[in-house]
N, C-alpha and C. Protein backbone atom coordinates (compact mmCIF):
# COMPACT_ATOMS: atom_id res chain seq x y z
N UNK A 1 0.65 -0.81 0.11
CA UNK A 1 0.28 0.41 0.02
C UNK A 1 1.16 1.33 0.45
N UNK A 2 0.35 2.02 -0.48
CA UNK A 2 1.36 3.41 -0.53
C UNK A 2 1.24 4.48 -0.04
N UNK A 3 1.97 5.02 0.79
CA UNK A 3 1.31 6.13 1.69
C UNK A 3 1.25 7.50 0.93
N UNK A 4 -0.02 7.86 1.08
CA UNK A 4 -0.63 8.86 0.54
C UNK A 4 -0.62 10.61 1.35
N UNK A 5 0.20 10.41 2.45
CA UNK A 5 -0.06 11.12 3.45
C UNK A 5 0.92 12.56 2.77
N UNK A 6 0.64 13.60 2.88
CA UNK A 6 1.32 14.82 2.78
C UNK A 6 2.76 14.97 3.56
N UNK A 7 3.71 15.03 2.57
CA UNK A 7 4.98 15.20 3.22
C UNK A 7 5.09 16.15 4.37
N UNK A 8 6.12 15.84 5.43
CA UNK A 8 6.10 16.38 6.29
C UNK A 8 6.88 18.07 6.20
N UNK A 9 6.24 18.91 6.67
CA UNK A 9 6.69 20.15 6.81
C UNK A 9 8.37 20.55 7.31
N UNK A 10 9.13 21.42 6.55
CA UNK A 10 10.45 21.40 6.48
C UNK A 10 10.52 22.03 7.91
N UNK A 11 11.55 21.76 8.98
CA UNK A 11 11.88 22.29 10.12
C UNK A 11 12.07 23.95 9.73
N UNK A 12 11.43 24.46 10.72
CA UNK A 12 11.68 25.79 10.72
C UNK A 12 12.55 26.31 10.88
N UNK A 13 13.02 27.19 10.28
CA UNK A 13 14.44 27.87 10.34
C UNK A 13 14.52 28.79 11.67
N UNK A 14 14.98 28.56 12.70
CA UNK A 14 15.21 29.87 14.19
C UNK A 14 15.48 31.19 13.56
N UNK A 15 14.41 31.70 14.34
CA UNK A 15 15.25 33.14 14.61
C UNK A 15 15.83 33.70 14.89
N UNK A 16 17.16 34.85 14.19
CA UNK A 16 17.91 34.94 14.78
C UNK A 16 17.20 35.70 16.39
N UNK A 17 18.66 35.06 17.22
CA UNK A 17 18.85 35.84 18.75
C UNK A 17 18.92 37.82 19.04
N UNK A 18 18.02 38.35 18.61
CA UNK A 18 17.65 39.94 18.35
C UNK A 18 18.99 40.56 19.10
N UNK A 19 18.96 39.69 20.32
CA UNK A 19 20.62 40.35 21.15
C UNK A 19 21.88 40.09 20.27
N UNK A 20 21.60 39.41 18.89
CA UNK A 20 23.05 39.47 18.44
C UNK A 20 23.44 40.43 17.43
N UNK A 21 22.36 41.40 16.72
CA UNK A 21 22.39 42.21 15.72
C UNK A 21 22.14 43.73 16.35
N UNK A 22 22.84 44.72 16.22
CA UNK A 22 22.96 45.91 16.51
C UNK A 22 21.59 46.63 16.48
N UNK A 23 20.93 47.13 17.17
CA UNK A 23 19.91 48.24 17.20
C UNK A 23 19.56 49.08 16.62
N UNK A 24 20.84 49.43 16.05
CA UNK A 24 20.96 51.22 15.15
C UNK A 24 20.91 50.46 13.32
N UNK A 25 21.80 49.21 13.56
CA UNK A 25 21.82 49.43 12.14
C UNK A 25 21.11 47.55 11.27
N UNK A 26 21.06 46.93 12.67
CA UNK A 26 20.96 45.88 12.16
C UNK A 26 21.97 44.69 11.89
N UNK A 27 23.25 45.23 11.60
CA UNK A 27 23.84 43.85 11.29
C UNK A 27 24.72 43.13 13.00
N UNK A 28 25.48 41.83 12.53
CA UNK A 28 25.70 41.34 13.43
C UNK A 28 26.67 42.29 14.79
N UNK A 29 26.56 42.38 15.86
CA UNK A 29 27.12 43.14 16.88
C UNK A 29 28.49 42.41 17.21
N UNK A 30 28.47 40.78 17.10
CA UNK A 30 30.00 40.18 17.70
C UNK A 30 29.94 40.27 18.81
N UNK A 31 29.01 40.22 19.56
CA UNK A 31 28.72 40.46 21.07
C UNK A 31 28.92 39.09 21.72
N UNK A 32 30.26 38.83 22.43
CA UNK A 32 30.42 37.82 23.45
C UNK A 32 28.89 36.90 24.00
N UNK A 33 28.61 37.87 24.76
CA UNK A 33 27.63 37.71 25.72
C UNK A 33 26.53 37.09 24.81
N UNK A 34 25.97 37.42 23.91
CA UNK A 34 24.90 37.32 22.77
C UNK A 34 25.31 36.09 22.53
N UNK A 35 26.98 35.69 22.36
CA UNK A 35 27.01 34.29 21.71
C UNK A 35 27.40 32.92 22.69
N UNK A 36 27.09 33.58 24.13
CA UNK A 36 27.42 32.52 25.41
C UNK A 36 28.61 32.54 25.93
N UNK A 37 29.77 33.79 25.48
CA UNK A 37 31.02 33.94 26.29
C UNK A 37 30.63 34.85 27.46
N UNK A 38 31.80 34.63 28.10
CA UNK A 38 32.14 35.66 29.38
C UNK A 38 32.07 37.10 28.85
N UNK A 39 31.73 37.71 29.52
CA UNK A 39 31.65 39.46 29.34
C UNK A 39 33.17 39.61 28.70
N UNK A 40 34.17 39.41 29.36
CA UNK A 40 35.60 40.01 29.26
C UNK A 40 36.06 39.40 27.87
N UNK A 41 35.55 38.89 27.33
CA UNK A 41 35.79 38.08 26.09
C UNK A 41 35.51 38.85 24.95
N UNK A 42 34.41 40.24 25.20
CA UNK A 42 33.82 41.09 24.30
C UNK A 42 34.52 42.08 23.50
N UNK A 43 34.57 42.59 22.61
CA UNK A 43 34.92 43.26 21.72
C UNK A 43 34.61 44.61 22.46
N UNK A 44 33.95 45.24 22.69
CA UNK A 44 33.88 46.41 23.80
C UNK A 44 34.60 46.97 25.01
N UNK A 45 34.93 45.88 25.79
CA UNK A 45 35.55 45.80 26.74
C UNK A 45 37.19 46.01 26.61
N UNK A 46 37.13 46.42 25.43
CA UNK A 46 38.63 46.71 25.20
C UNK A 46 38.79 48.50 24.39
N UNK A 47 37.40 48.94 23.92
CA UNK A 47 37.45 50.41 23.72
C UNK A 47 36.47 51.30 24.44
N UNK A 48 36.74 52.35 24.24
CA UNK A 48 35.94 53.16 24.81
C UNK A 48 34.55 53.59 23.78
N UNK A 49 33.53 53.24 24.02
CA UNK A 49 32.50 53.85 23.65
C UNK A 49 31.43 55.41 23.67
N UNK A 50 31.51 56.00 22.52
CA UNK A 50 31.13 57.14 22.65
C UNK A 50 29.77 57.53 23.65
N UNK A 51 29.69 58.36 24.37
CA UNK A 51 27.78 58.96 25.00
C UNK A 51 27.01 59.01 23.70
N UNK A 52 27.72 59.42 23.27
CA UNK A 52 26.59 60.08 21.43
C UNK A 52 26.09 58.46 20.84
N UNK A 53 27.03 57.52 20.74
CA UNK A 53 26.66 56.44 20.28
C UNK A 53 25.94 55.70 21.25
N UNK A 54 25.69 55.31 22.28
CA UNK A 54 24.84 54.60 22.91
C UNK A 54 23.78 55.23 23.49
N UNK A 55 23.69 56.53 23.15
CA UNK A 55 22.69 57.01 22.48
C UNK A 55 21.61 56.94 21.60
N UNK A 56 22.42 56.77 20.64
CA UNK A 56 21.60 56.04 19.67
C UNK A 56 20.98 54.96 19.15
N UNK A 57 20.63 53.93 20.52
CA UNK A 57 20.19 52.53 21.04
C UNK A 57 18.80 53.77 21.35
N UNK A 58 17.63 52.80 20.36
CA UNK A 58 16.50 52.69 20.89
C UNK A 58 15.99 52.65 22.01
N UNK A 59 15.10 53.57 23.08
CA UNK A 59 15.10 53.16 24.45
C UNK A 59 14.86 51.07 25.16
N UNK A 60 13.80 50.98 24.10
CA UNK A 60 13.07 50.03 24.34
C UNK A 60 14.25 48.92 24.25
N UNK A 61 15.87 48.91 23.46
CA UNK A 61 16.39 48.04 23.22
C UNK A 61 17.73 47.82 24.12
N UNK A 62 17.77 49.34 25.00
CA UNK A 62 18.85 49.56 25.96
C UNK A 62 18.96 48.68 26.85
N UNK A 63 20.32 47.99 26.97
CA UNK A 63 20.75 46.99 27.92
C UNK A 63 20.40 45.83 27.66
N UNK A 64 19.44 45.57 25.99
CA UNK A 64 19.10 44.56 25.39
C UNK A 64 19.55 43.96 24.56
N UNK A 65 20.76 44.77 23.72
CA UNK A 65 21.37 44.49 22.59
C UNK A 65 22.44 45.91 22.45
N UNK A 66 23.30 45.15 22.05
CA UNK A 66 24.67 45.92 21.58
C UNK A 66 24.77 46.14 20.99
N UNK A 67 25.38 47.42 20.71
CA UNK A 67 25.83 48.18 19.50
C UNK A 67 27.23 47.45 18.38
N UNK A 68 27.36 47.51 16.77
CA UNK A 68 28.41 46.68 16.46
C UNK A 68 29.38 47.36 16.58
N UNK A 69 30.84 47.48 16.20
CA UNK A 69 31.96 48.00 16.71
C UNK A 69 31.37 49.16 15.65
N UNK A 70 31.58 48.95 14.48
CA UNK A 70 31.18 50.22 13.49
C UNK A 70 30.36 51.78 14.20
N UNK A 71 28.53 50.84 14.27
CA UNK A 71 27.67 51.88 15.00
C UNK A 71 28.78 52.62 16.87
N UNK A 72 29.41 51.68 17.50
CA UNK A 72 29.64 52.22 18.57
C UNK A 72 30.87 53.29 18.37
N UNK A 73 31.11 53.37 17.15
CA UNK A 73 32.86 54.19 16.86
C UNK A 73 31.93 55.03 16.04
N UNK A 74 30.44 54.97 15.66
CA UNK A 74 30.14 55.89 15.13
C UNK A 74 29.91 56.25 14.07
N UNK A 75 30.43 54.89 13.23
CA UNK A 75 30.89 54.69 11.66
C UNK A 75 29.43 54.85 11.14
N UNK A 76 29.34 55.45 9.63
CA UNK A 76 27.71 55.40 8.90
C UNK A 76 27.93 53.59 8.88
N UNK A 77 26.54 53.04 8.54
CA UNK A 77 26.85 51.42 7.96
C UNK A 77 26.80 51.66 6.57
N UNK A 78 27.84 50.50 6.06
CA UNK A 78 28.40 51.02 4.69
C UNK A 78 27.50 50.67 3.57
N UNK A 79 27.41 51.31 2.96
CA UNK A 79 26.01 51.18 1.70
C UNK A 79 26.56 50.22 1.16
N UNK A 80 25.28 49.51 0.24
CA UNK A 80 25.24 48.31 -0.55
C UNK A 80 25.89 49.21 -2.01
N UNK A 81 26.67 48.03 -2.66
CA UNK A 81 27.14 49.07 -4.08
C UNK A 81 25.78 48.87 -4.71
N UNK A 82 25.82 49.98 -5.41
CA UNK A 82 24.80 50.41 -6.40
C UNK A 82 24.84 49.34 -7.41
N UNK A 83 23.66 49.01 -8.25
CA UNK A 83 23.86 48.53 -9.61
C UNK A 83 24.37 49.03 -10.55
N UNK A 84 25.61 47.95 -10.96
CA UNK A 84 26.23 48.46 -12.47
C UNK A 84 27.17 49.69 -11.84
N UNK A 85 27.24 49.48 -11.06
CA UNK A 85 28.71 50.35 -10.64
C UNK A 85 29.78 49.26 -10.17
N UNK A 86 30.65 49.94 -11.06
CA UNK A 86 31.95 49.26 -10.27
C UNK A 86 33.28 49.68 -9.25
N UNK A 87 33.36 48.92 -8.35
CA UNK A 87 34.74 49.60 -7.91
C UNK A 87 35.93 49.98 -8.32
N UNK A 88 36.14 51.40 -7.12
CA UNK A 88 37.30 52.32 -7.96
C UNK A 88 38.54 51.66 -7.95
């Protein structure tokens, strides 16, 4: 007898941990604590993050998600290449 039941659904892709994304630009923040590592292993422990950069974190994300290194240094996020443009 042939099995006529519908195929099993594909396993759901796990949602990325929001604590692993920069709340300003959305890129990976490379946070050691979000990766389950000790806080002293985080890149931010070796740099001074300007208060202006910290002020860019939305109030609902403060103490929940970390800035990425670029936003912590107040660098603008890299622009996506424009279609048809070539690197110089």
